[in-house]
Amino acid sequence: MHKAGDVVLGGLFEIHFFSVFPDLSFTSEPQQPTCYGFDIPGFRAAMTMTFAIDEINRNSKLLPNVTLGYSLYDNCVKLQIGFRAAMSLISGQEEQFILDKTCVGTPPVIGIVGDSSSTSSIAISSVIGSYRVPMVSYFATCSCLSDRQKFPSFFRTIPSDAFQVQAMIQILNHFGWTWAGLLVSDDDYGLHAARSFQSDFVRSGGGCLAYVEILPWENDRAELRRIVDVMKKSTARVVIGFAHESHMINLMEEVVRQNVTGLQWIASEAWTAAAVFQTPHLIPYLAGTLGIAIRRGEIPGLREFLLQIRPNLNHNNSYRNSIVKLFWEYTFQCRFAPPPAGWVETEGVLCTGQEDLEDVETELLDTSNLRPEYNVYKAVYALAYALDDMLQCEPGRGPFSGHSCATLQRLEPWQLVYYLQKVNFTTPFGDQVSFDENGDALPIYDIMNWLWLPDGRTKLQNVGEVKRSASKGEELTIDEDKIFWNFESNQPPHSVCSESCPPGTRMARKKGEPVCCFDCIPCSEGKISNETDAMECTTCPEDFWSSPQRDRCVPKKTEFLSYHEPLGICLTATSLLGTCMCAVVLGIFICHHSTPIVRANNSELSFQLLLSLKLCFLCSLLFIGRPRLWTCQLRHAAFGISFVLCVSCILVKTMVVLAVFKASKPGGGASLKWFGVLQQRGTVIVLTSIQAAICTAWLVSASPTPHKNTQYNNDKIVFECAVGSTVGFAVLLSYIGSLASLSFLIAFIARNLPDTFNEAKLITFSMLIFCAVWVAFVPAYVSSPGKYADAVEVFAILASSFGLLVALFGPKCYIILLRPERNTKKAIMGRGTSKS
C-alpha cells in the first residue's frame, strides 16, 4: 500500500500468515512468493499506521506544510519476504508504479515502522543500521536488539523481553511459584528469553526451571507429543509459554489430544490476546491463564476510520485497493468478479463492495483492546515528532557540524536518528513516549487473565500492571480478587520442587538437580537457622546453645554444686553437723578438763585437734556454691592447712605416747625432755607452716581460678575451679599423705602398749580410716565430671573428718558421759597394773 507525500515512511506488517515459495531452479524468471491466510490483526495494525499519518497530515501544529506519505509491505511472517521488502523501502527499487502525474517510481523512505518479528528486525536492522536508517518496531521484543553497537538506529515502542522476563518472574515470585516449565519458540524471540529465564529466575526469585523445551516450527506431531509427555511427567504445575501463537496453537492441539489439565499457563505478549486460543475446545485447558500484554491504549477516531474502508471497483490496479479487496473477501466470504472457476457453481457469493462492515462480526472493528496497534500509533508519531523537531532547527544553532541544520530537501536518515533519540511526547491516552540510550521505550505491561464465563465464552480481563520507573524501579500491581483460577479450589496452584525448609533446618542441594530442589537437613547441636530456606546453620555464641527446635540460641544451662540442690543441701547439712559435733565434744572436754581421761591423753593437743577438725568441716563449705576467684583460691589452701594442722596434732600425740612409754622403762627418762609442751607446740606449728608455704607458693605461681567448662556437655556450662598448677595440688595432697602415713606407722608400732597409753590403738584406727578415704578419693576425683568432682572432694573431707572425730573422741566421750566410774585415776591405773 502506497501514498505519496513530501516525506515517506515505510511499514512492515503481517497481512498473511503463510506463504508458498515458487520453484527456484533459475531456469526461468523467479516468481514472487504467494501468501495466504489473511490476518485481521495485522491488517488492522497497517490501517492504524495509515490512520496516524492521515491524522498527522490534518494536524496544523505538527509538521505544518509537510505531507507524510507511506509505503507498506506484507512480510507474510517470513524473513525472506520481510527482508526483501525492507531493502525495497530503503532503496526505492521495487516495481514501478505511478504516484502522481509528475513522479514515477518508489522514493526511498526516511524511516521504517516494523518489523513485528524479532528475527526479522535483527536481520533488517543489522543492514539498514549500517546506513543509519531509523527503524521503529512495534512488536519486536528480543533483548538483543538493545545492543547499540550492533543496531545503532533501532528503536521500539514495545518493552524489551528483558523486562518482560523480569515481569514474569515478578508474577512467579508474587504467587510463590518457584518450579516452572518453559516453552519457547525456535527463534531469537524465544531463545534469548530462555537464556534470560535460566539466569534471572534463580538470581532474583530463587526459583528454577523444571524443563526448557523448544517448540518446532512445523506441526511435528512426534516432537510435540514428546514435549507434552515431559509436561505430564513433571511436578511443575506452572508452564510459561514464550512463543508465537503459531507455535503455541500446534502445542495446544496436542495438549487437548492428551487431555493434560491442572496446569497454570503464563503467556508472553505474543499470544496473550490471541483470539485463536479462546475457543470452546481450548478454553477448558487455558482458562485462568495469566499473560503479559502490551499496554492497552485508546486511539480516538480509529473505529470510524476503519468503517470507511471500502473497495473501489474503479481502481483495480491500486495496491491499496487490492489489499482491501482481500480483506473484503475474507470478511464477507465472497469473491469479486471475475470469480474463481467454480465459485458461482458452488453457490458462492459475489462481492458488490456495498456490504456494510457493521452487519458482520469482524475483529477489525474491535478497538476496545488496542495493543500492537497502539504501539504502531506511537511509532508513527515518534517519527513525526522527530521530523518536526528537526525542521524547527534554527540555522547556525543546529546540532550537526558547523552548527548546521538538516533540511527536508537534503535530509539524511542519520540526521533523523539524532532527533528520534531525543523525542519526548504524550499521547492522547496520556502515555509518555520517549526512548532510553538503547532505543527502548519506557517499559510497562498489562497483566491479563482469561476469565471463563458461565455461558462458555471467554473474557480477557486486566488484573494488574507491571512497570519500571526511574524513581521506584520495577513495580508490580495485581488484584488477586479479580483473578479467575481454573482449579476446583479456586485458589492459585502450588508449584515448588521442594517445600520451604522451616527454621531449624538448612537446605541441602540434591546432586544433579536444579537449585530449588533440595532436602531439609536439621541443624546440628549448637547451630541454628532462624529463617526459612537457610543455606547454612549459624553457630551459637560461646555461652549459648541451640533450642530443641534449632531455631534460636538460648543461654546454656549452668552447672555447679549449689546450695539449692539436694546434693548440696545434704553436704552442707553434714558439714554443719560435723562442726556442731566438734563444738559439743570440745564443750564436753572443757567441762571435764580436770578428769583423768582428759588429762591422761594430752588435753592441749586434744583441744587443738578438735579446733582443726572444726576447720576441716567448715572448709568443705567453700566447695559448695558458684565458684568465685576468692573461693577458688581459699578452698584448697584452707583444706590443706586445716588437715595438716589436724594430722600434725595426731602425729605429735602419737609420738608423745611412744615417748612416755619409753620413759616409763628404766633409763628412758631422758626421752621426755624432747617432748615437752613447747616442743609439741613447736612441732605442730612447724609442720603446719610448711603446708602454708606450699599453699602460698601455689597461689602466687599459678593460682586456682574460676573456669567455664563446656567439654563435659556442649549444652551446659560447668562452673569449676581450675587448679592452676597440678603440681601444686599434688604437693599439697602428698604432704598431707606423708604426715598421715607417718602417724599411722608410729601409731601402728605403739598399738600394743599397755592400756594406760591405749590411745595409740585409736590413732591407728583413725589413720587407717583417713588413709583409706583419701586413697579412694584420687581415682574418684579424677573420673568425676563437673560438680561431682567437687562433691567427691567434699565427701572425702567430711568422711575423713568424721572418721577422725569418731575414732579419736568417741570412746572418750563414752567414758566421760556414760561410764564416769571409769573416768578415775585409780580405774585407769588399776586396769594398767593388773595387765602388767
Foldseek 3Di string as FASTA:
>chain_A
DKADWLAEEEEEFAQAQAWAADDPPPPDDGDDIGGHHGDLVRVLLVLLLVVLQVVQQVDCVFPHPTHYMYDYDHQNPDLVSLLVVLVCQQPQPDPWDDNDDPDITGDHHQEYEDDQEQQSCLVNQQVVVVQLRAYEYLHRAQPVLLPCVRRVRYFYAAHHVLVVLVVVLVVCLVQVFQEEAEEAEPGSQGVSSVVSCQPCNCVPRVHHYPYYYYFDQDLPPVSLLVVVVSVQPDLFQEYEYRYAVSRVVSSLVSCLVVVDARHAYEYEQRPLPPCVQFDLSRCLRHALHKYWHADFFADPPSLVSVQPQWADPVCPPDPSNVSSQVVVCVQVVADEPPGPPCCVVVVGHYDDRPDGPVVGDDPSNPSVGDGSSVRSSVSSVLLSQLVSVQCPQDACCDPDPSNGGADSVRDRSNNSSVSSQVDWDADPRGDIFHADPSNYTFHKIFIWGWHQDPVRGTDIDTFWMWGADPPPGIDTDGHLVPGQDSDPVSDDDHGFQDDKAAWQWEWADDPPDDPRHTDTHGDDKQWTDQHIHHHDTHGDPQQWIADPSRNDTDGFAEDAQACPDPLNVVLLVLLVVQLVVLVVLLVLCVVVVVFCLCVLQPVVLVNQLSVLLNLLSVLLNLRYDFDAQVSQLVSLLSNLLSLLLNLLSLQLSLVQLVLVLQCVDPPSVVSCVCNDPVNSVVSSVVSSVVLNVLSVVQCVPFGWHWDFDCPVPVRYTFTDIDRRDPVSSVVSVVSSVVSLVSSLVSLVVCCPPFQSSNLSVLSNQLSVQLNVLVVVLVVQLVPDDGNVNSSSVSVSSSRSSVSNCCSRRVVVCCCSPPVVVCRHPCNSVVSRVVVD
